[in-house]
Amino acid sequence: MDQQEIVKLFLNKGFQLDSSSLDFFSQDPNKINSFLEEIDKTSEKPSTITFNFVKSILKEKPQIQVLKTFSQEQKIFTTEKAIQFFIDRYEKIKKILQGNLYDSCRFL
């Protein structure tokens, strides 16, 4: 499909193309139909189609494939467990800080 046919196609749909988007569609004419389908779904339809607008419409959707699913039993989290968690965390941080203070005082 040459550039004149592309321009006519877009003009019939009510759109103008800038030079960079025309070059993009002339290099890959297969994307014209998918672009026109996607632009029909959008609410904002500019009169002049820029290359940035083409990229935003034709952005590829990521292919996500679930390889493995994990199922885990729901554990009951009580207040005692929460308190113990914070006490353990406090003790670990206390040991780290005391160790660092001891190491820094040793060189004096």
PDB file of N, CA and C in Angstrom:
ATOM      1  N   MET A   1       0.853  -1.170   0.000  1.00  0.00           N
ATOM      2  CA  MET A   1       0.000   0.000   0.000  1.00  0.00           C
ATOM      3  C   MET A   1       0.897   1.230   0.000  1.00  0.00           C
ATOM      4  N   ASP A   2       0.699   2.107  -0.972  1.00  0.00           N
ATOM      5  CA  ASP A   2       1.556   3.292  -1.043  1.00  0.00           C
ATOM      6  C   ASP A   2       0.981   4.419  -0.183  1.00  0.00           C
ATOM      7  N   GLN A   3       1.730   5.494  -0.081  1.00  0.00           N
ATOM      8  CA  GLN A   3       1.375   6.569   0.845  1.00  0.00           C
ATOM      9  C   GLN A   3       0.092   7.284   0.436  1.00  0.00           C
ATOM     10  N   GLN A   4      -0.155   7.409  -0.875  1.00  0.00           N
ATOM     11  CA  GLN A   4      -1.378   8.077  -1.327  1.00  0.00           C
ATOM     12  C   GLN A   4      -2.625   7.300  -0.905  1.00  0.00           C
ATOM     13  N   GLU A   5      -2.569   5.987  -1.012  1.00  0.00           N
ATOM     14  CA  GLU A   5      -3.709   5.170  -0.599  1.00  0.00           C
ATOM     15  C   GLU A   5      -3.939   5.257   0.900  1.00  0.00           C
ATOM     16  N   ILE A   6      -2.850   5.310   1.660  1.00  0.00           N
ATOM     17  CA  ILE A   6      -2.968   5.431   3.113  1.00  0.00           C
ATOM     18  C   ILE A   6      -3.612   6.761   3.478  1.00  0.00           C
ATOM     19  N   VAL A   7      -3.168   7.837   2.832  1.00  0.00           N
ATOM     20  CA  VAL A   7      -3.725   9.159   3.108  1.00  0.00           C
ATOM     21  C   VAL A   7      -5.216   9.187   2.748  1.00  0.00           C
ATOM     22  N   LYS A   8      -5.592   8.604   1.601  1.00  0.00           N
ATOM     23  CA  LYS A   8      -6.998   8.565   1.194  1.00  0.00           C
ATOM     24  C   LYS A   8      -7.837   7.779   2.200  1.00  0.00           C
ATOM     25  N   LEU A   9      -7.298   6.662   2.663  1.00  0.00           N
ATOM     26  CA  LEU A   9      -8.019   5.836   3.628  1.00  0.00           C
ATOM     27  C   LEU A   9      -8.296   6.614   4.913  1.00  0.00           C
ATOM     28  N   PHE A  10      -7.290   7.316   5.412  1.00  0.00           N
ATOM     29  CA  PHE A  10      -7.477   8.082   6.640  1.00  0.00           C
ATOM     30  C   PHE A  10      -8.363   9.300   6.414  1.00  0.00           C
ATOM     31  N   LEU A  11      -8.278   9.929   5.255  1.00  0.00           N
ATOM     32  CA  LEU A  11      -9.150  11.072   4.966  1.00  0.00           C
ATOM     33  C   LEU A  11     -10.609  10.638   4.875  1.00  0.00           C
ATOM     34  N   ASN A  12     -10.848   9.460   4.327  1.00  0.00           N
ATOM     35  CA  ASN A  12     -12.221   8.950   4.271  1.00  0.00           C
ATOM     36  C   ASN A  12     -12.778   8.689   5.667  1.00  0.00           C
ATOM     37  N   LYS A  13     -11.900   8.358   6.611  1.00  0.00           N
ATOM     38  CA  LYS A  13     -12.319   8.143   7.996  1.00  0.00           C
ATOM     39  C   LYS A  13     -12.396   9.459   8.776  1.00  0.00           C
ATOM     40  N   GLY A  14     -11.919  10.559   8.184  1.00  0.00           N
ATOM     41  CA  GLY A  14     -11.986  11.869   8.832  1.00  0.00           C
ATOM     42  C   GLY A  14     -10.735  12.243   9.598  1.00  0.00           C
ATOM     43  N   PHE A  15      -9.618  11.636   9.264  1.00  0.00           N
ATOM     44  CA  PHE A  15      -8.360  11.913   9.968  1.00  0.00           C
ATOM     45  C   PHE A  15      -7.293  12.363   8.986  1.00  0.00           C
ATOM     46  N   GLN A  16      -6.391  13.200   9.488  1.00  0.00           N
ATOM     47  CA  GLN A  16      -5.203  13.585   8.740  1.00  0.00           C
ATOM     48  C   GLN A  16      -4.002  12.961   9.414  1.00  0.00           C
ATOM     49  N   LEU A  17      -2.986  12.634   8.634  1.00  0.00           N
ATOM     50  CA  LEU A  17      -1.765  12.039   9.163  1.00  0.00           C
ATOM     51  C   LEU A  17      -0.622  13.027   9.076  1.00  0.00           C
ATOM     52  N   ASP A  18       0.207  13.078  10.110  1.00  0.00           N
ATOM     53  CA  ASP A  18       1.436  13.845   9.976  1.00  0.00           C
ATOM     54  C   ASP A  18       2.473  12.961   9.283  1.00  0.00           C
ATOM     55  N   SER A  19       3.603  13.540   8.944  1.00  0.00           N
ATOM     56  CA  SER A  19       4.580  12.821   8.119  1.00  0.00           C
ATOM     57  C   SER A  19       5.173  11.604   8.830  1.00  0.00           C
ATOM     58  N   SER A  20       5.424  11.711  10.139  1.00  0.00           N
ATOM     59  CA  SER A  20       6.037  10.578  10.842  1.00  0.00           C
ATOM     60  C   SER A  20       5.059   9.412  10.973  1.00  0.00           C
ATOM     61  N   SER A  21       3.791   9.687  11.212  1.00  0.00           N
ATOM     62  CA  SER A  21       2.822   8.590  11.295  1.00  0.00           C
ATOM     63  C   SER A  21       2.555   7.996   9.917  1.00  0.00           C
ATOM     64  N   LEU A  22       2.618   8.805   8.869  1.00  0.00           N
ATOM     65  CA  LEU A  22       2.475   8.290   7.506  1.00  0.00           C
ATOM     66  C   LEU A  22       3.639   7.360   7.175  1.00  0.00           C
ATOM     67  N   ASP A  23       4.846   7.743   7.554  1.00  0.00           N
ATOM     68  CA  ASP A  23       5.999   6.870   7.340  1.00  0.00           C
ATOM     69  C   ASP A  23       5.855   5.561   8.105  1.00  0.00           C
ATOM     70  N   PHE A  24       5.350   5.639   9.331  1.00  0.00           N
ATOM     71  CA  PHE A  24       5.155   4.441  10.142  1.00  0.00           C
ATOM     72  C   PHE A  24       4.174   3.484   9.476  1.00  0.00           C
ATOM     73  N   PHE A  25       3.048   3.993   9.005  1.00  0.00           N
ATOM     74  CA  PHE A  25       2.045   3.137   8.383  1.00  0.00           C
ATOM     75  C   PHE A  25       2.474   2.654   6.998  1.00  0.00           C
ATOM     76  N   SER A  26       3.292   3.417   6.301  1.00  0.00           N
ATOM     77  CA  SER A  26       3.771   2.950   4.997  1.00  0.00           C
ATOM     78  C   SER A  26       4.804   1.832   5.155  1.00  0.00           C
ATOM     79  N   GLN A  27       5.536   1.819   6.277  1.00  0.00           N
ATOM     80  CA  GLN A  27       6.485   0.738   6.527  1.00  0.00           C
ATOM     81  C   GLN A  27       5.778  -0.541   6.957  1.00  0.00           C
ATOM     82  N   ASP A  28       4.672  -0.401   7.668  1.00  0.00           N
ATOM     83  CA  ASP A  28       3.937  -1.575   8.143  1.00  0.00           C
ATOM     84  C   ASP A  28       2.437  -1.354   7.940  1.00  0.00           C
ATOM     85  N   PRO A  29       1.940  -1.599   6.714  1.00  0.00           N
ATOM     86  CA  PRO A  29       0.519  -1.348   6.422  1.00  0.00           C
ATOM     87  C   PRO A  29      -0.438  -2.281   7.164  1.00  0.00           C
ATOM     88  N   ASN A  30       0.068  -3.384   7.707  1.00  0.00           N
ATOM     89  CA  ASN A  30      -0.806  -4.308   8.432  1.00  0.00           C
ATOM     90  C   ASN A  30      -1.364  -3.693   9.708  1.00  0.00           C
ATOM     91  N   LYS A  31      -0.705  -2.683  10.239  1.00  0.00           N
ATOM     92  CA  LYS A  31      -1.147  -2.069  11.486  1.00  0.00           C
ATOM     93  C   LYS A  31      -2.248  -1.028  11.279  1.00  0.00           C
ATOM     94  N   ILE A  32      -2.559  -0.721  10.047  1.00  0.00           N
ATOM     95  CA  ILE A  32      -3.576   0.294   9.771  1.00  0.00           C
ATOM     96  C   ILE A  32      -4.940  -0.170  10.276  1.00  0.00           C
ATOM     97  N   ASN A  33      -5.321  -1.398   9.939  1.00  0.00           N
ATOM     98  CA  ASN A  33      -6.639  -1.890  10.340  1.00  0.00           C
ATOM     99  C   ASN A  33      -6.769  -1.984  11.861  1.00  0.00           C
ATOM    100  N   SER A  34      -5.729  -2.478  12.528  1.00  0.00           N
ATOM    101  CA  SER A  34      -5.801  -2.572  13.985  1.00  0.00           C
ATOM    102  C   SER A  34      -5.860  -1.185  14.616  1.00  0.00           C
ATOM    103  N   PHE A  35      -5.150  -0.215  14.028  1.00  0.00           N
ATOM    104  CA  PHE A  35      -5.201   1.152  14.535  1.00  0.00           C
ATOM    105  C   PHE A  35      -6.597   1.736  14.378  1.00  0.00           C
ATOM    106  N   LEU A  36      -7.198   1.542  13.203  1.00  0.00           N
ATOM    107  CA  LEU A  36      -8.535   2.091  12.970  1.00  0.00           C
ATOM    108  C   LEU A  36      -9.578   1.433  13.877  1.00  0.00           C
ATOM    109  N   GLU A  37      -9.413   0.147  14.164  1.00  0.00           N
ATOM    110  CA  GLU A  37     -10.326  -0.521  15.085  1.00  0.00           C
ATOM    111  C   GLU A  37     -10.186   0.039  16.502  1.00  0.00           C
ATOM    112  N   GLU A  38      -8.957   0.264  16.927  1.00  0.00           N
ATOM    113  CA  GLU A  38      -8.715   0.784  18.271  1.00  0.00           C
ATOM    114  C   GLU A  38      -9.156   2.237  18.411  1.00  0.00           C
ATOM    115  N   ILE A  39      -8.986   3.014  17.370  1.00  0.00           N
ATOM    116  CA  ILE A  39      -9.358   4.428  17.464  1.00  0.00           C
ATOM    117  C   ILE A  39     -10.877   4.585  17.495  1.00  0.00           C
ATOM    118  N   ASP A  40     -11.603   3.621  16.932  1.00  0.00           N
ATOM    119  CA  ASP A  40     -13.065   3.663  17.021  1.00  0.00           C
ATOM    120  C   ASP A  40     -13.533   3.450  18.456  1.00  0.00           C
ATOM    121  N   LYS A  41     -12.747   2.749  19.262  1.00  0.00           N
ATOM    122  CA  LYS A  41     -13.107   2.469  20.650  1.00  0.00           C
ATOM    123  C   LYS A  41     -12.811   3.642  21.580  1.00  0.00           C
ATOM    124  N   THR A  42     -11.928   4.553  21.163  1.00  0.00           N
ATOM    125  CA  THR A  42     -11.530   5.661  22.038  1.00  0.00           C
ATOM    126  C   THR A  42     -12.546   6.792  21.964  1.00  0.00           C
ATOM    127  N   SER A  43     -12.591   7.560  23.028  1.00  0.00           N
ATOM    128  CA  SER A  43     -13.526   8.681  23.071  1.00  0.00           C
ATOM    129  C   SER A  43     -12.922   9.925  22.420  1.00  0.00           C
ATOM    130  N   GLU A  44     -11.625  10.119  22.577  1.00  0.00           N
ATOM    131  CA  GLU A  44     -10.959  11.274  21.987  1.00  0.00           C
ATOM    132  C   GLU A  44     -10.416  10.904  20.614  1.00  0.00           C
ATOM    133  N   LYS A  45     -10.906  11.592  19.615  1.00  0.00           N
ATOM    134  CA  LYS A  45     -10.453  11.335  18.254  1.00  0.00           C
ATOM    135  C   LYS A  45      -9.915  12.644  17.668  1.00  0.00           C
ATOM    136  N   PRO A  46      -8.594  12.786  17.632  1.00  0.00           N
ATOM    137  CA  PRO A  46      -8.024  14.026  17.101  1.00  0.00           C
ATOM    138  C   PRO A  46      -8.186  14.085  15.585  1.00  0.00           C
ATOM    139  N   SER A  47      -8.191  15.285  15.056  1.00  0.00           N
ATOM    140  CA  SER A  47      -8.320  15.422  13.605  1.00  0.00           C
ATOM    141  C   SER A  47      -7.002  15.091  12.905  1.00  0.00           C
ATOM    142  N   THR A  48      -5.880  15.398  13.564  1.00  0.00           N
ATOM    143  CA  THR A  48      -4.568  15.082  13.007  1.00  0.00           C
ATOM    144  C   THR A  48      -3.937  13.978  13.848  1.00  0.00           C
ATOM    145  N   ILE A  49      -3.557  12.906  13.182  1.00  0.00           N
ATOM    146  CA  ILE A  49      -2.958  11.759  13.854  1.00  0.00           C
ATOM    147  C   ILE A  49      -1.447  11.956  13.893  1.00  0.00           C
ATOM    148  N   THR A  50      -0.893  12.058  15.119  1.00  0.00           N
ATOM    149  CA  THR A  50       0.551  12.185  15.276  1.00  0.00           C
ATOM    150  C   THR A  50       1.146  10.822  15.606  1.00  0.00           C
ATOM    151  N   PHE A  51       2.457  10.735  15.481  1.00  0.00           N
ATOM    152  CA  PHE A  51       3.135   9.464  15.748  1.00  0.00           C
ATOM    153  C   PHE A  51       3.010   9.069  17.217  1.00  0.00           C
ATOM    154  N   ASN A  52       3.053  10.045  18.119  1.00  0.00           N
ATOM    155  CA  ASN A  52       2.897   9.741  19.549  1.00  0.00           C
ATOM    156  C   ASN A  52       1.513   9.171  19.837  1.00  0.00           C
ATOM    157  N   PHE A  53       0.492   9.688  19.160  1.00  0.00           N
ATOM    158  CA  PHE A  53      -0.859   9.159  19.340  1.00  0.00           C
ATOM    159  C   PHE A  53      -0.948   7.743  18.798  1.00  0.00           C
ATOM    160  N   VAL A  54      -0.287   7.489  17.667  1.00  0.00           N
ATOM    161  CA  VAL A  54      -0.275   6.138  17.087  1.00  0.00           C
ATOM    162  C   VAL A  54       0.379   5.167  18.057  1.00  0.00           C
ATOM    163  N   LYS A  55       1.510   5.575  18.650  1.00  0.00           N
ATOM    164  CA  LYS A  55       2.195   4.702  19.614  1.00  0.00           C
ATOM    165  C   LYS A  55       1.321   4.432  20.832  1.00  0.00           C
ATOM    166  N   SER A  56       0.599   5.446  21.291  1.00  0.00           N
ATOM    167  CA  SER A  56      -0.237   5.244  22.482  1.00  0.00           C
ATOM    168  C   SER A  56      -1.416   4.318  22.180  1.00  0.00           C
ATOM    169  N   ILE A  57      -1.940   4.351  20.974  1.00  0.00           N
ATOM    170  CA  ILE A  57      -3.063   3.479  20.618  1.00  0.00           C
ATOM    171  C   ILE A  57      -2.577   2.063  20.353  1.00  0.00           C
ATOM    172  N   LEU A  58      -1.446   1.926  19.679  1.00  0.00           N
ATOM    173  CA  LEU A  58      -0.959   0.607  19.275  1.00  0.00           C
ATOM    174  C   LEU A  58      -0.008  -0.027  20.275  1.00  0.00           C
ATOM    175  N   LYS A  59       0.085   0.528  21.473  1.00  0.00           N
ATOM    176  CA  LYS A  59       1.014  -0.065  22.438  1.00  0.00           C
ATOM    177  C   LYS A  59       0.641  -1.522  22.655  1.00  0.00           C
ATOM    178  N   GLU A  60       1.656  -2.332  22.673  1.00  0.00           N
ATOM    179  CA  GLU A  60       1.431  -3.769  22.784  1.00  0.00           C
ATOM    180  C   GLU A  60       1.048  -4.124  24.199  1.00  0.00           C
ATOM    181  N   LYS A  61       0.071  -4.981  24.308  1.00  0.00           N
ATOM    182  CA  LYS A  61      -0.365  -5.437  25.614  1.00  0.00           C
ATOM    183  C   LYS A  61       0.551  -6.571  26.048  1.00  0.00           C
ATOM    184  N   PRO A  62       0.987  -6.535  27.290  1.00  0.00           N
ATOM    185  CA  PRO A  62       1.916  -7.579  27.739  1.00  0.00           C
ATOM    186  C   PRO A  62       1.252  -8.953  27.749  1.00  0.00           C
ATOM    187  N   GLN A  63       2.011  -9.923  27.330  1.00  0.00           N
ATOM    188  CA  GLN A  63       1.534 -11.296  27.345  1.00  0.00           C
ATOM    189  C   GLN A  63       1.887 -11.918  28.692  1.00  0.00           C
ATOM    190  N   ILE A  64       0.887 -12.225  29.466  1.00  0.00           N
ATOM    191  CA  ILE A  64       1.103 -12.785  30.797  1.00  0.00           C
ATOM    192  C   ILE A  64       0.596 -14.217  30.804  1.00  0.00           C
ATOM    193  N   GLN A  65       1.443 -15.086  31.267  1.00  0.00           N
ATOM    194  CA  GLN A  65       1.081 -16.492  31.351  1.00  0.00           C
ATOM    195  C   GLN A  65       1.353 -16.971  32.773  1.00  0.00           C
ATOM    196  N   VAL A  66       0.354 -17.559  33.398  1.00  0.00           N
ATOM    197  CA  VAL A  66       0.489 -18.055  34.761  1.00  0.00           C
ATOM    198  C   VAL A  66       1.149 -19.424  34.688  1.00  0.00           C
ATOM    199  N   LEU A  67       2.326 -19.520  35.279  1.00  0.00           N
ATOM    200  CA  LEU A  67       3.059 -20.777  35.250  1.00  0.00           C
ATOM    201  C   LEU A  67       2.685 -21.692  36.397  1.00  0.00           C
ATOM    202  N   LYS A  68       2.502 -21.117  37.558  1.00  0.00           N
ATOM    203  CA  LYS A  68       2.209 -21.925  38.732  1.00  0.00           C
ATOM    204  C   LYS A  68       1.378 -21.095  39.694  1.00  0.00           C
ATOM    205  N   THR A  69       0.405 -21.719  40.292  1.00  0.00           N
ATOM    206  CA  THR A  69      -0.384 -21.033  41.310  1.00  0.00           C
ATOM    207  C   THR A  69      -0.143 -21.707  42.652  1.00  0.00           C
ATOM    208  N   PHE A  70      -0.072 -20.917  43.656  1.00  0.00           N
ATOM    209  CA  PHE A  70       0.169 -21.410  44.999  1.00  0.00           C
ATOM    210  C   PHE A  70      -1.101 -21.222  45.825  1.00  0.00           C
ATOM    211  N   SER A  71      -1.437 -22.242  46.547  1.00  0.00           N
ATOM    212  CA  SER A  71      -2.564 -22.117  47.470  1.00  0.00           C
ATOM    213  C   SER A  71      -2.028 -22.309  48.878  1.00  0.00           C
ATOM    214  N   GLN A  72      -2.427 -21.424  49.731  1.00  0.00           N
ATOM    215  CA  GLN A  72      -1.938 -21.472  51.095  1.00  0.00           C
ATOM    216  C   GLN A  72      -3.140 -21.338  52.024  1.00  0.00           C
ATOM    217  N   GLU A  73      -3.127 -22.122  53.064  1.00  0.00           N
ATOM    218  CA  GLU A  73      -4.206 -22.051  54.019  1.00  0.00           C
ATOM    219  C   GLU A  73      -4.151 -20.717  54.758  1.00  0.00           C
ATOM    220  N   GLN A  74      -5.315 -20.180  55.021  1.00  0.00           N
ATOM    221  CA  GLN A  74      -5.385 -18.918  55.723  1.00  0.00           C
ATOM    222  C   GLN A  74      -5.023 -19.143  57.190  1.00  0.00           C
ATOM    223  N   LYS A  75      -4.057 -18.375  57.658  1.00  0.00           N
ATOM    224  CA  LYS A  75      -3.624 -18.510  59.040  1.00  0.00           C
ATOM    225  C   LYS A  75      -4.333 -17.470  59.901  1.00  0.00           C
ATOM    226  N   ILE A  76      -4.640 -17.864  61.100  1.00  0.00           N
ATOM    227  CA  ILE A  76      -5.276 -16.943  62.028  1.00  0.00           C
ATOM    228  C   ILE A  76      -4.182 -16.130  62.706  1.00  0.00           C
ATOM    229  N   PHE A  77      -4.308 -14.819  62.633  1.00  0.00           N
ATOM    230  CA  PHE A  77      -3.312 -13.911  63.178  1.00  0.00           C
ATOM    231  C   PHE A  77      -3.900 -13.284  64.437  1.00  0.00           C
ATOM    232  N   THR A  78      -3.396 -13.669  65.577  1.00  0.00           N
ATOM    233  CA  THR A  78      -3.924 -13.177  66.845  1.00  0.00           C
ATOM    234  C   THR A  78      -3.098 -12.002  67.341  1.00  0.00           C
ATOM    235  N   THR A  79      -3.613 -11.337  68.343  1.00  0.00           N
ATOM    236  CA  THR A  79      -2.877 -10.198  68.908  1.00  0.00           C
ATOM    237  C   THR A  79      -1.585 -10.652  69.577  1.00  0.00           C
ATOM    238  N   GLU A  80      -1.602 -11.844  70.171  1.00  0.00           N
ATOM    239  CA  GLU A  80      -0.387 -12.355  70.807  1.00  0.00           C
ATOM    240  C   GLU A  80       0.723 -12.556  69.771  1.00  0.00           C
ATOM    241  N   LYS A  81       0.347 -13.078  68.606  1.00  0.00           N
ATOM    242  CA  LYS A  81       1.342 -13.279  67.548  1.00  0.00           C
ATOM    243  C   LYS A  81       1.863 -11.940  67.038  1.00  0.00           C
ATOM    244  N   ALA A  82       0.988 -10.960  66.941  1.00  0.00           N
ATOM    245  CA  ALA A  82       1.417  -9.633  66.480  1.00  0.00           C
ATOM    246  C   ALA A  82       2.376  -9.003  67.480  1.00  0.00           C
ATOM    247  N   ILE A  83       2.057  -9.112  68.741  1.00  0.00           N
ATOM    248  CA  ILE A  83       2.934  -8.555  69.786  1.00  0.00           C
ATOM    249  C   ILE A  83       4.278  -9.262  69.774  1.00  0.00           C
ATOM    250  N   GLN A  84       4.279 -10.581  69.636  1.00  0.00           N
ATOM    251  CA  GLN A  84       5.530 -11.332  69.607  1.00  0.00           C
ATOM    252  C   GLN A  84       6.369 -10.967  68.380  1.00  0.00           C
ATOM    253  N   PHE A  85       5.705 -10.724  67.267  1.00  0.00           N
ATOM    254  CA  PHE A  85       6.414 -10.311  66.061  1.00  0.00           C
ATOM    255  C   PHE A  85       7.177  -9.006  66.305  1.00  0.00           C
ATOM    256  N   PHE A  86       6.504  -8.018  66.899  1.00  0.00           N
ATOM    257  CA  PHE A  86       7.154  -6.729  67.128  1.00  0.00           C
ATOM    258  C   PHE A  86       8.231  -6.826  68.208  1.00  0.00           C
ATOM    259  N   ILE A  87       8.048  -7.674  69.196  1.00  0.00           N
ATOM    260  CA  ILE A  87       9.090  -7.869  70.217  1.00  0.00           C
ATOM    261  C   ILE A  87      10.329  -8.490  69.573  1.00  0.00           C
ATOM    262  N   ASP A  88      10.140  -9.502  68.735  1.00  0.00           N
ATOM    263  CA  ASP A  88      11.276 -10.139  68.056  1.00  0.00           C
ATOM    264  C   ASP A  88      12.002  -9.137  67.160  1.00  0.00           C
ATOM    265  N   ARG A  89      11.232  -8.342  66.456  1.00  0.00           N
ATOM    266  CA  ARG A  89      11.854  -7.343  65.577  1.00  0.00           C
ATOM    267  C   ARG A  89      12.642  -6.329  66.387  1.00  0.00           C
ATOM    268  N   TYR A  90      12.104  -5.905  67.508  1.00  0.00           N
ATOM    269  CA  TYR A  90      12.803  -4.973  68.381  1.00  0.00           C
ATOM    270  C   TYR A  90      14.116  -5.573  68.879  1.00  0.00           C
ATOM    271  N   GLU A  91      14.087  -6.830  69.284  1.00  0.00           N
ATOM    272  CA  GLU A  91      15.291  -7.471  69.799  1.00  0.00           C
ATOM    273  C   GLU A  91      16.368  -7.578  68.715  1.00  0.00           C
ATOM    274  N   LYS A  92      15.973  -7.904  67.510  1.00  0.00           N
ATOM    275  CA  LYS A  92      16.952  -8.007  66.416  1.00  0.00           C
ATOM    276  C   LYS A  92      17.575  -6.654  66.109  1.00  0.00           C
ATOM    277  N   ILE A  93      16.773  -5.615  66.055  1.00  0.00           N
ATOM    278  CA  ILE A  93      17.299  -4.271  65.785  1.00  0.00           C
ATOM    279  C   ILE A  93      18.199  -3.828  66.932  1.00  0.00           C
ATOM    280  N   LYS A  94      17.824  -4.170  68.151  1.00  0.00           N
ATOM    281  CA  LYS A  94      18.634  -3.821  69.327  1.00  0.00           C
ATOM    282  C   LYS A  94      20.013  -4.467  69.241  1.00  0.00           C
ATOM    283  N   LYS A  95      20.065  -5.747  68.868  1.00  0.00           N
ATOM    284  CA  LYS A  95      21.347  -6.440  68.729  1.00  0.00           C
ATOM    285  C   LYS A  95      22.201  -5.822  67.637  1.00  0.00           C
ATOM    286  N   ILE A  96      21.580  -5.450  66.526  1.00  0.00           N
ATOM    287  CA  ILE A  96      22.324  -4.834  65.422  1.00  0.00           C
ATOM    288  C   ILE A  96      22.934  -3.514  65.870  1.00  0.00           C
ATOM    289  N   LEU A  97      22.129  -2.675  66.511  1.00  0.00           N
ATOM    290  CA  LEU A  97      22.625  -1.369  66.935  1.00  0.00           C
ATOM    291  C   LEU A  97      23.681  -1.486  68.037  1.00  0.00           C
ATOM    292  N   GLN A  98      23.508  -2.375  68.968  1.00  0.00           N
ATOM    293  CA  GLN A  98      24.496  -2.554  70.019  1.00  0.00           C
ATOM    294  C   GLN A  98      25.799  -3.087  69.437  1.00  0.00           C
ATOM    295  N   GLY A  99      25.717  -3.941  68.455  1.00  0.00           N
ATOM    296  CA  GLY A  99      26.915  -4.468  67.824  1.00  0.00           C
ATOM    297  C   GLY A  99      27.669  -3.387  67.079  1.00  0.00           C
ATOM    298  N   ASN A 100      26.953  -2.516  66.403  1.00  0.00           N
ATOM    299  CA  ASN A 100      27.604  -1.437  65.670  1.00  0.00           C
ATOM    300  C   ASN A 100      28.234  -0.424  66.615  1.00  0.00           C
ATOM    301  N   LEU A 101      27.574  -0.126  67.738  1.00  0.00           N
ATOM    302  CA  LEU A 101      28.146   0.808  68.700  1.00  0.00           C
ATOM    303  C   LEU A 101      29.408   0.230  69.331  1.00  0.00           C
ATOM    304  N   TYR A 102      29.393  -1.060  69.611  1.00  0.00           N
ATOM    305  CA  TYR A 102      30.558  -1.692  70.194  1.00  0.00           C
ATOM    306  C   TYR A 102      31.734  -1.670  69.214  1.00  0.00           C
ATOM    307  N   ASP A 103      31.447  -1.934  67.944  1.00  0.00           N
ATOM    308  CA  ASP A 103      32.513  -1.936  66.929  1.00  0.00           C
ATOM    309  C   ASP A 103      33.090  -0.550  66.743  1.00  0.00           C
ATOM    310  N   SER A 104      32.253   0.495  66.780  1.00  0.00           N
ATOM    311  CA  SER A 104      32.771   1.840  66.566  1.00  0.00           C
ATOM    312  C   SER A 104      33.538   2.347  67.789  1.00  0.00           C
ATOM    313  N   CYS A 105      33.183   1.920  69.002  1.00  0.00           N
ATOM    314  CA  CYS A 105      33.887   2.352  70.218  1.00  0.00           C
ATOM    315  C   CYS A 105      35.219   1.599  70.365  1.00  0.00           C
ATOM    316  N   ARG A 106      35.351   0.471  69.771  1.00  0.00           N
ATOM    317  CA  ARG A 106      36.550  -0.357  69.895  1.00  0.00           C
ATOM    318  C   ARG A 106      37.758   0.336  69.244  1.00  0.00           C
ATOM    319  N   PHE A 107      37.550   1.155  68.238  1.00  0.00           N
ATOM    320  CA  PHE A 107      38.662   1.783  67.549  1.00  0.00           C
ATOM    321  C   PHE A 107      39.148   3.061  68.224  1.00  0.00           C
ATOM    322  N   LEU A 108      38.479   3.524  69.239  1.00  0.00           N
ATOM    323  CA  LEU A 108      38.881   4.759  69.907  1.00  0.00           C
ATOM    324  C   LEU A 108      40.031   4.586  70.815  1.00  0.00           C
TER     325      LEU A 108
END
